[in-house]
Amino acid sequence: MSKDPKPSLFLARRLRRLREMTGLTQEGFAEHAGISYKVYQSIEAGRRWNLRLKTILNFAAIYDLTLAELFAEHCPKVKLKLRRSSAKRR
C-alpha cells in the first residue's frame, strides 16, 4: 500500500466493520486468513499499514468481495466465505 497511512486507516476500519458484521473475532478472522492473530490485530488497529496486494485480496475473498467493493465508499453487505487458507492446505 501507499506510504500514507490514511488509506490504511480506512482499510483497518472497514476490516473491523466487516468482521463485526459477520460475527467473527479477530482470532477467528486471522485463522481464516492464514495469518497470526497479532499480525491481524495490528492491521485492524492501523499499526501495520504496508500490506501486500495479495494479503488485501485474500481479505476481500474471505468476505466474497472484489477489491473495489472492499474499498467502496459504503460498506457492502457481506456473506462470509469460509475457506481454507493456503497455509492450511499444505
PDB file of N, CA and C in Angstrom:
ATOM      1  N   MET A   1       0.838  -1.171   0.000  1.00  0.00           N
ATOM      2  CA  MET A   1       0.000   0.000   0.000  1.00  0.00           C
ATOM      3  C   MET A   1       0.883   1.235   0.000  1.00  0.00           C
ATOM      4  N   SER A   2       0.259   2.334  -0.020  1.00  0.00           N
ATOM      5  CA  SER A   2       0.975   3.603  -0.071  1.00  0.00           C
ATOM      6  C   SER A   2       1.709   3.876   1.235  1.00  0.00           C
ATOM      7  N   LYS A   3       2.608   4.839   1.190  1.00  0.00           N
ATOM      8  CA  LYS A   3       3.323   5.222   2.406  1.00  0.00           C
ATOM      9  C   LYS A   3       2.475   6.129   3.279  1.00  0.00           C
ATOM     10  N   ASP A   4       1.360   6.590   2.753  1.00  0.00           N
ATOM     11  CA  ASP A   4       0.429   7.427   3.507  1.00  0.00           C
ATOM     12  C   ASP A   4      -0.510   6.499   4.273  1.00  0.00           C
ATOM     13  N   PRO A   5      -0.553   6.583   5.593  1.00  0.00           N
ATOM     14  CA  PRO A   5      -1.392   5.658   6.354  1.00  0.00           C
ATOM     15  C   PRO A   5      -2.891   5.925   6.257  1.00  0.00           C
ATOM     16  N   LYS A   6      -3.334   7.048   5.660  1.00  0.00           N
ATOM     17  CA  LYS A   6      -4.774   7.329   5.595  1.00  0.00           C
ATOM     18  C   LYS A   6      -5.572   6.225   4.903  1.00  0.00           C
ATOM     19  N   PRO A   7      -5.177   5.755   3.690  1.00  0.00           N
ATOM     20  CA  PRO A   7      -5.934   4.667   3.079  1.00  0.00           C
ATOM     21  C   PRO A   7      -5.912   3.405   3.939  1.00  0.00           C
ATOM     22  N   SER A   8      -4.836   3.189   4.644  1.00  0.00           N
ATOM     23  CA  SER A   8      -4.733   2.017   5.502  1.00  0.00           C
ATOM     24  C   SER A   8      -5.673   2.122   6.693  1.00  0.00           C
ATOM     25  N   LEU A   9      -5.845   3.336   7.211  1.00  0.00           N
ATOM     26  CA  LEU A   9      -6.790   3.511   8.310  1.00  0.00           C
ATOM     27  C   LEU A   9      -8.194   3.239   7.828  1.00  0.00           C
ATOM     28  N   PHE A  10      -8.490   3.615   6.589  1.00  0.00           N
ATOM     29  CA  PHE A  10      -9.791   3.277   6.005  1.00  0.00           C
ATOM     30  C   PHE A  10      -9.946   1.766   5.963  1.00  0.00           C
ATOM     31  N   LEU A  11      -8.915   1.080   5.484  1.00  0.00           N
ATOM     32  CA  LEU A  11      -8.972  -0.376   5.391  1.00  0.00           C
ATOM     33  C   LEU A  11      -9.097  -1.005   6.775  1.00  0.00           C
ATOM     34  N   ALA A  12      -8.383  -0.481   7.744  1.00  0.00           N
ATOM     35  CA  ALA A  12      -8.465  -1.016   9.112  1.00  0.00           C
ATOM     36  C   ALA A  12      -9.889  -0.902   9.641  1.00  0.00           C
ATOM     37  N   ARG A  13     -10.498   0.275   9.449  1.00  0.00           N
ATOM     38  CA  ARG A  13     -11.888   0.465   9.912  1.00  0.00           C
ATOM     39  C   ARG A  13     -12.853  -0.438   9.153  1.00  0.00           C
ATOM     40  N   ARG A  14     -12.626  -0.574   7.840  1.00  0.00           N
ATOM     41  CA  ARG A  14     -13.507  -1.420   7.023  1.00  0.00           C
ATOM     42  C   ARG A  14     -13.391  -2.885   7.445  1.00  0.00           C
ATOM     43  N   LEU A  15     -12.181  -3.354   7.676  1.00  0.00           N
ATOM     44  CA  LEU A  15     -11.994  -4.744   8.095  1.00  0.00           C
ATOM     45  C   LEU A  15     -12.680  -5.014   9.433  1.00  0.00           C
ATOM     46  N   ARG A  16     -12.565  -4.066  10.337  1.00  0.00           N
ATOM     47  CA  ARG A  16     -13.217  -4.244  11.636  1.00  0.00           C
ATOM     48  C   ARG A  16     -14.730  -4.319  11.471  1.00  0.00           C
ATOM     49  N   ARG A  17     -15.278  -3.399  10.670  1.00  0.00           N
ATOM     50  CA  ARG A  17     -16.732  -3.394  10.462  1.00  0.00           C
ATOM     51  C   ARG A  17     -17.205  -4.693   9.806  1.00  0.00           C
ATOM     52  N   LEU A  18     -16.502  -5.144   8.794  1.00  0.00           N
ATOM     53  CA  LEU A  18     -16.874  -6.389   8.122  1.00  0.00           C
ATOM     54  C   LEU A  18     -16.784  -7.568   9.080  1.00  0.00           C
ATOM     55  N   ARG A  19     -15.733  -7.590   9.861  1.00  0.00           N
ATOM     56  CA  ARG A  19     -15.559  -8.686  10.820  1.00  0.00           C
ATOM     57  C   ARG A  19     -16.699  -8.693  11.824  1.00  0.00           C
ATOM     58  N   GLU A  20     -17.050  -7.531  12.333  1.00  0.00           N
ATOM     59  CA  GLU A  20     -18.137  -7.440  13.304  1.00  0.00           C
ATOM     60  C   GLU A  20     -19.483  -7.801  12.673  1.00  0.00           C
ATOM     61  N   MET A  21     -19.681  -7.425  11.401  1.00  0.00           N
ATOM     62  CA  MET A  21     -20.929  -7.752  10.702  1.00  0.00           C
ATOM     63  C   MET A  21     -21.114  -9.260  10.563  1.00  0.00           C
ATOM     64  N   THR A  22     -20.014  -9.977  10.447  1.00  0.00           N
ATOM     65  CA  THR A  22     -20.098 -11.430  10.273  1.00  0.00           C
ATOM     66  C   THR A  22     -19.962 -12.192  11.584  1.00  0.00           C
ATOM     67  N   GLY A  23     -19.731 -11.464  12.672  1.00  0.00           N
ATOM     68  CA  GLY A  23     -19.676 -12.110  13.976  1.00  0.00           C
ATOM     69  C   GLY A  23     -18.367 -12.818  14.288  1.00  0.00           C
ATOM     70  N   LEU A  24     -17.344 -12.528  13.520  1.00  0.00           N
ATOM     71  CA  LEU A  24     -16.046 -13.158  13.780  1.00  0.00           C
ATOM     72  C   LEU A  24     -15.261 -12.388  14.827  1.00  0.00           C
ATOM     73  N   THR A  25     -14.433 -13.098  15.541  1.00  0.00           N
ATOM     74  CA  THR A  25     -13.470 -12.458  16.430  1.00  0.00           C
ATOM     75  C   THR A  25     -12.220 -12.171  15.600  1.00  0.00           C
ATOM     76  N   GLN A  26     -11.310 -11.382  16.144  1.00  0.00           N
ATOM     77  CA  GLN A  26     -10.044 -11.146  15.458  1.00  0.00           C
ATOM     78  C   GLN A  26      -9.296 -12.467  15.287  1.00  0.00           C
ATOM     79  N   GLU A  27      -9.343 -13.295  16.297  1.00  0.00           N
ATOM     80  CA  GLU A  27      -8.671 -14.593  16.219  1.00  0.00           C
ATOM     81  C   GLU A  27      -9.280 -15.455  15.120  1.00  0.00           C
ATOM     82  N   GLY A  28     -10.605 -15.441  15.031  1.00  0.00           N
ATOM     83  CA  GLY A  28     -11.291 -16.233  14.010  1.00  0.00           C
ATOM     84  C   GLY A  28     -10.956 -15.773  12.609  1.00  0.00           C
ATOM     85  N   PHE A  29     -10.961 -14.462  12.406  1.00  0.00           N
ATOM     86  CA  PHE A  29     -10.637 -13.960  11.080  1.00  0.00           C
ATOM     87  C   PHE A  29      -9.188 -14.273  10.729  1.00  0.00           C
ATOM     88  N   ALA A  30      -8.288 -14.069  11.671  1.00  0.00           N
ATOM     89  CA  ALA A  30      -6.872 -14.346  11.418  1.00  0.00           C
ATOM     90  C   ALA A  30      -6.679 -15.807  11.019  1.00  0.00           C
ATOM     91  N   GLU A  31      -7.394 -16.689  11.665  1.00  0.00           N
ATOM     92  CA  GLU A  31      -7.292 -18.112  11.329  1.00  0.00           C
ATOM     93  C   GLU A  31      -7.748 -18.355   9.892  1.00  0.00           C
ATOM     94  N   HIS A  32      -8.869 -17.767   9.491  1.00  0.00           N
ATOM     95  CA  HIS A  32      -9.361 -17.926   8.121  1.00  0.00           C
ATOM     96  C   HIS A  32      -8.411 -17.309   7.101  1.00  0.00           C
ATOM     97  N   ALA A  33      -7.750 -16.225   7.496  1.00  0.00           N
ATOM     98  CA  ALA A  33      -6.829 -15.546   6.586  1.00  0.00           C
ATOM     99  C   ALA A  33      -5.462 -16.216   6.536  1.00  0.00           C
ATOM    100  N   GLY A  34      -5.199 -17.107   7.465  1.00  0.00           N
ATOM    101  CA  GLY A  34      -3.909 -17.792   7.477  1.00  0.00           C
ATOM    102  C   GLY A  34      -2.780 -16.931   7.998  1.00  0.00           C
ATOM    103  N   ILE A  35      -3.105 -15.986   8.884  1.00  0.00           N
ATOM    104  CA  ILE A  35      -2.086 -15.132   9.483  1.00  0.00           C
ATOM    105  C   ILE A  35      -2.219 -15.207  10.994  1.00  0.00           C
ATOM    106  N   SER A  36      -1.226 -14.715  11.688  1.00  0.00           N
ATOM    107  CA  SER A  36      -1.288 -14.762  13.141  1.00  0.00           C
ATOM    108  C   SER A  36      -2.262 -13.719  13.667  1.00  0.00           C
ATOM    109  N   TYR A  37      -2.795 -13.998  14.821  1.00  0.00           N
ATOM    110  CA  TYR A  37      -3.721 -13.080  15.484  1.00  0.00           C
ATOM    111  C   TYR A  37      -3.059 -11.731  15.725  1.00  0.00           C
ATOM    112  N   LYS A  38      -1.818 -11.735  16.169  1.00  0.00           N
ATOM    113  CA  LYS A  38      -1.104 -10.493  16.471  1.00  0.00           C
ATOM    114  C   LYS A  38      -0.920  -9.633  15.216  1.00  0.00           C
ATOM    115  N   VAL A  39      -0.630 -10.266  14.100  1.00  0.00           N
ATOM    116  CA  VAL A  39      -0.482  -9.524  12.845  1.00  0.00           C
ATOM    117  C   VAL A  39      -1.822  -8.904  12.468  1.00  0.00           C
ATOM    118  N   TYR A  40      -2.890  -9.704  12.514  1.00  0.00           N
ATOM    119  CA  TYR A  40      -4.201  -9.162  12.153  1.00  0.00           C
ATOM    120  C   TYR A  40      -4.614  -8.054  13.111  1.00  0.00           C
ATOM    121  N   GLN A  41      -4.346  -8.238  14.383  1.00  0.00           N
ATOM    122  CA  GLN A  41      -4.696  -7.226  15.380  1.00  0.00           C
ATOM    123  C   GLN A  41      -4.002  -5.898  15.042  1.00  0.00           C
ATOM    124  N   SER A  42      -2.742  -5.958  14.643  1.00  0.00           N
ATOM    125  CA  SER A  42      -2.018  -4.731  14.312  1.00  0.00           C
ATOM    126  C   SER A  42      -2.537  -4.104  13.015  1.00  0.00           C
ATOM    127  N   ILE A  43      -3.002  -4.914  12.076  1.00  0.00           N
ATOM    128  CA  ILE A  43      -3.591  -4.386  10.839  1.00  0.00           C
ATOM    129  C   ILE A  43      -4.883  -3.650  11.166  1.00  0.00           C
ATOM    130  N   GLU A  44      -5.741  -4.300  11.936  1.00  0.00           N
ATOM    131  CA  GLU A  44      -7.029  -3.702  12.266  1.00  0.00           C
ATOM    132  C   GLU A  44      -6.871  -2.465  13.146  1.00  0.00           C
ATOM    133  N   ALA A  45      -5.832  -2.410  13.932  1.00  0.00           N
ATOM    134  CA  ALA A  45      -5.572  -1.253  14.785  1.00  0.00           C
ATOM    135  C   ALA A  45      -4.913  -0.114  14.007  1.00  0.00           C
ATOM    136  N   GLY A  46      -4.520  -0.371  12.758  1.00  0.00           N
ATOM    137  CA  GLY A  46      -3.900   0.657  11.939  1.00  0.00           C
ATOM    138  C   GLY A  46      -2.411   0.825  12.175  1.00  0.00           C
ATOM    139  N   ARG A  47      -1.815  -0.093  12.919  1.00  0.00           N
ATOM    140  CA  ARG A  47      -0.383  -0.005  13.186  1.00  0.00           C
ATOM    141  C   ARG A  47       0.451  -0.650  12.082  1.00  0.00           C
ATOM    142  N   ARG A  48      -0.141  -1.548  11.346  1.00  0.00           N
ATOM    143  CA  ARG A  48       0.560  -2.202  10.234  1.00  0.00           C
ATOM    144  C   ARG A  48      -0.197  -1.816   8.965  1.00  0.00           C
ATOM    145  N   TRP A  49       0.417  -0.989   8.164  1.00  0.00           N
ATOM    146  CA  TRP A  49      -0.304  -0.478   7.009  1.00  0.00           C
ATOM    147  C   TRP A  49       0.396  -0.716   5.683  1.00  0.00           C
ATOM    148  N   ASN A  50       1.511  -1.386   5.682  1.00  0.00           N
ATOM    149  CA  ASN A  50       2.225  -1.668   4.438  1.00  0.00           C
ATOM    150  C   ASN A  50       1.919  -3.098   3.979  1.00  0.00           C
ATOM    151  N   LEU A  51       0.659  -3.335   3.646  1.00  0.00           N
ATOM    152  CA  LEU A  51       0.215  -4.675   3.274  1.00  0.00           C
ATOM    153  C   LEU A  51       0.474  -4.955   1.805  1.00  0.00           C
ATOM    154  N   ARG A  52       0.701  -6.212   1.512  1.00  0.00           N
ATOM    155  CA  ARG A  52       0.847  -6.642   0.122  1.00  0.00           C
ATOM    156  C   ARG A  52      -0.542  -6.747  -0.504  1.00  0.00           C
ATOM    157  N   LEU A  53      -0.594  -6.541  -1.790  1.00  0.00           N
ATOM    158  CA  LEU A  53      -1.861  -6.649  -2.509  1.00  0.00           C
ATOM    159  C   LEU A  53      -2.454  -8.041  -2.340  1.00  0.00           C
ATOM    160  N   LYS A  54      -1.620  -9.042  -2.348  1.00  0.00           N
ATOM    161  CA  LYS A  54      -2.086 -10.422  -2.188  1.00  0.00           C
ATOM    162  C   LYS A  54      -2.820 -10.597  -0.855  1.00  0.00           C
ATOM    163  N   THR A  55      -2.334  -9.965   0.190  1.00  0.00           N
ATOM    164  CA  THR A  55      -2.975 -10.047   1.504  1.00  0.00           C
ATOM    165  C   THR A  55      -4.328  -9.357   1.476  1.00  0.00           C
ATOM    166  N   ILE A  56      -4.394  -8.191   0.867  1.00  0.00           N
ATOM    167  CA  ILE A  56      -5.655  -7.457   0.783  1.00  0.00           C
ATOM    168  C   ILE A  56      -6.670  -8.230  -0.053  1.00  0.00           C
ATOM    169  N   LEU A  57      -6.216  -8.811  -1.146  1.00  0.00           N
ATOM    170  CA  LEU A  57      -7.109  -9.626  -1.978  1.00  0.00           C
ATOM    171  C   LEU A  57      -7.617 -10.839  -1.207  1.00  0.00           C
ATOM    172  N   ASN A  58      -6.766 -11.427  -0.386  1.00  0.00           N
ATOM    173  CA  ASN A  58      -7.158 -12.557   0.450  1.00  0.00           C
ATOM    174  C   ASN A  58      -8.252 -12.130   1.431  1.00  0.00           C
ATOM    175  N   PHE A  59      -8.082 -10.968   2.051  1.00  0.00           N
ATOM    176  CA  PHE A  59      -9.094 -10.463   2.981  1.00  0.00           C
ATOM    177  C   PHE A  59     -10.423 -10.261   2.258  1.00  0.00           C
ATOM    178  N   ALA A  60     -10.386  -9.662   1.074  1.00  0.00           N
ATOM    179  CA  ALA A  60     -11.610  -9.437   0.300  1.00  0.00           C
ATOM    180  C   ALA A  60     -12.271 -10.761  -0.054  1.00  0.00           C
ATOM    181  N   ALA A  61     -11.478 -11.754  -0.444  1.00  0.00           N
ATOM    182  CA  ALA A  61     -12.023 -13.050  -0.835  1.00  0.00           C
ATOM    183  C   ALA A  61     -12.722 -13.747   0.325  1.00  0.00           C
ATOM    184  N   ILE A  62     -12.225 -13.574   1.521  1.00  0.00           N
ATOM    185  CA  ILE A  62     -12.858 -14.194   2.681  1.00  0.00           C
ATOM    186  C   ILE A  62     -14.283 -13.688   2.848  1.00  0.00           C
ATOM    187  N   TYR A  63     -14.496 -12.408   2.523  1.00  0.00           N
ATOM    188  CA  TYR A  63     -15.833 -11.828   2.606  1.00  0.00           C
ATOM    189  C   TYR A  63     -16.571 -11.900   1.278  1.00  0.00           C
ATOM    190  N   ASP A  64     -15.997 -12.592   0.298  1.00  0.00           N
ATOM    191  CA  ASP A  64     -16.577 -12.742  -1.031  1.00  0.00           C
ATOM    192  C   ASP A  64     -16.806 -11.379  -1.681  1.00  0.00           C
ATOM    193  N   LEU A  65     -15.820 -10.493  -1.554  1.00  0.00           N
ATOM    194  CA  LEU A  65     -15.882  -9.156  -2.131  1.00  0.00           C
ATOM    195  C   LEU A  65     -14.784  -8.983  -3.170  1.00  0.00           C
ATOM    196  N   THR A  66     -15.019  -8.073  -4.096  1.00  0.00           N
ATOM    197  CA  THR A  66     -13.952  -7.662  -5.007  1.00  0.00           C
ATOM    198  C   THR A  66     -13.126  -6.594  -4.300  1.00  0.00           C
ATOM    199  N   LEU A  67     -12.000  -6.268  -4.879  1.00  0.00           N
ATOM    200  CA  LEU A  67     -11.167  -5.217  -4.314  1.00  0.00           C
ATOM    201  C   LEU A  67     -11.925  -3.885  -4.323  1.00  0.00           C
ATOM    202  N   ALA A  68     -12.652  -3.615  -5.395  1.00  0.00           N
ATOM    203  CA  ALA A  68     -13.432  -2.373  -5.489  1.00  0.00           C
ATOM    204  C   ALA A  68     -14.508  -2.323  -4.405  1.00  0.00           C
ATOM    205  N   GLU A  69     -15.165  -3.443  -4.141  1.00  0.00           N
ATOM    206  CA  GLU A  69     -16.192  -3.476  -3.098  1.00  0.00           C
ATOM    207  C   GLU A  69     -15.590  -3.269  -1.720  1.00  0.00           C
ATOM    208  N   LEU A  70     -14.413  -3.828  -1.510  1.00  0.00           N
ATOM    209  CA  LEU A  70     -13.750  -3.671  -0.216  1.00  0.00           C
ATOM    210  C   LEU A  70     -13.442  -2.207   0.071  1.00  0.00           C
ATOM    211  N   PHE A  71     -13.066  -1.453  -0.965  1.00  0.00           N
ATOM    212  CA  PHE A  71     -12.712  -0.049  -0.793  1.00  0.00           C
ATOM    213  C   PHE A  71     -13.834   0.910  -1.179  1.00  0.00           C
ATOM    214  N   ALA A  72     -15.040   0.396  -1.389  1.00  0.00           N
ATOM    215  CA  ALA A  72     -16.171   1.248  -1.766  1.00  0.00           C
ATOM    216  C   ALA A  72     -16.498   2.227  -0.643  1.00  0.00           C
ATOM    217  N   GLU A  73     -17.108   3.330  -1.024  1.00  0.00           N
ATOM    218  CA  GLU A  73     -17.454   4.364  -0.040  1.00  0.00           C
ATOM    219  C   GLU A  73     -18.382   3.827   1.040  1.00  0.00           C
ATOM    220  N   HIS A  74     -19.369   3.055   0.629  1.00  0.00           N
ATOM    221  CA  HIS A  74     -20.313   2.479   1.588  1.00  0.00           C
ATOM    222  C   HIS A  74     -19.963   1.017   1.808  1.00  0.00           C
ATOM    223  N   CYS A  75     -20.063   0.599   3.032  1.00  0.00           N
ATOM    224  CA  CYS A  75     -19.727  -0.780   3.379  1.00  0.00           C
ATOM    225  C   CYS A  75     -20.766  -1.729   2.778  1.00  0.00           C
ATOM    226  N   PRO A  76     -20.335  -2.680   1.959  1.00  0.00           N
ATOM    227  CA  PRO A  76     -21.283  -3.601   1.336  1.00  0.00           C
ATOM    228  C   PRO A  76     -21.787  -4.640   2.330  1.00  0.00           C
ATOM    229  N   LYS A  77     -22.941  -5.193   2.019  1.00  0.00           N
ATOM    230  CA  LYS A  77     -23.422  -6.339   2.794  1.00  0.00           C
ATOM    231  C   LYS A  77     -22.534  -7.512   2.399  1.00  0.00           C
ATOM    232  N   VAL A  78     -22.194  -8.315   3.373  1.00  0.00           N
ATOM    233  CA  VAL A  78     -21.256  -9.401   3.094  1.00  0.00           C
ATOM    234  C   VAL A  78     -21.823 -10.740   3.509  1.00  0.00           C
ATOM    235  N   LYS A  79     -21.274 -11.730   2.884  1.00  0.00           N
ATOM    236  CA  LYS A  79     -21.502 -13.104   3.310  1.00  0.00           C
ATOM    237  C   LYS A  79     -20.119 -13.691   3.517  1.00  0.00           C
ATOM    238  N   LEU A  80     -19.957 -14.350   4.599  1.00  0.00           N
ATOM    239  CA  LEU A  80     -18.651 -14.897   4.934  1.00  0.00           C
ATOM    240  C   LEU A  80     -18.382 -16.114   4.068  1.00  0.00           C
ATOM    241  N   LYS A  81     -17.260 -16.105   3.406  1.00  0.00           N
ATOM    242  CA  LYS A  81     -16.860 -17.221   2.550  1.00  0.00           C
ATOM    243  C   LYS A  81     -15.730 -17.941   3.259  1.00  0.00           C
ATOM    244  N   LEU A  82     -16.090 -18.882   4.069  1.00  0.00           N
ATOM    245  CA  LEU A  82     -15.076 -19.607   4.817  1.00  0.00           C
ATOM    246  C   LEU A  82     -14.391 -20.597   3.897  1.00  0.00           C
ATOM    247  N   ARG A  83     -13.113 -20.473   3.869  1.00  0.00           N
ATOM    248  CA  ARG A  83     -12.316 -21.376   3.046  1.00  0.00           C
ATOM    249  C   ARG A  83     -11.000 -21.615   3.739  1.00  0.00           C
ATOM    250  N   ARG A  84     -10.361 -22.655   3.344  1.00  0.00           N
ATOM    251  CA  ARG A  84      -9.067 -22.939   3.933  1.00  0.00           C
ATOM    252  C   ARG A  84      -8.029 -22.015   3.343  1.00  0.00           C
ATOM    253  N   SER A  85      -7.159 -21.530   4.193  1.00  0.00           N
ATOM    254  CA  SER A  85      -6.066 -20.694   3.697  1.00  0.00           C
ATOM    255  C   SER A  85      -5.034 -21.588   3.044  1.00  0.00           C
ATOM    256  N   SER A  86      -4.184 -20.984   2.229  1.00  0.00           N
ATOM    257  CA  SER A  86      -3.144 -21.759   1.541  1.00  0.00           C
ATOM    258  C   SER A  86      -2.189 -22.401   2.530  1.00  0.00           C
ATOM    259  N   ALA A  87      -2.017 -21.784   3.698  1.00  0.00           N
ATOM    260  CA  ALA A  87      -1.119 -22.338   4.704  1.00  0.00           C
ATOM    261  C   ALA A  87      -1.663 -23.652   5.269  1.00  0.00           C
ATOM    262  N   LYS A  88      -2.974 -23.783   5.333  1.00  0.00           N
ATOM    263  CA  LYS A  88      -3.570 -24.990   5.877  1.00  0.00           C
ATOM    264  C   LYS A  88      -3.614 -26.128   4.880  1.00  0.00           C
ATOM    265  N   ARG A  89      -3.528 -25.812   3.595  1.00  0.00           N
ATOM    266  CA  ARG A  89      -3.620 -26.850   2.556  1.00  0.00           C
ATOM    267  C   ARG A  89      -2.362 -27.678   2.463  1.00  0.00           C
ATOM    268  N   ARG A  90      -1.293 -27.192   3.004  1.00  0.00           N
ATOM    269  CA  ARG A  90      -0.021 -27.915   2.885  1.00  0.00           C
ATOM    270  C   ARG A  90       0.010 -29.153   3.713  1.00  0.00           C
TER     271      ARG A  90
END
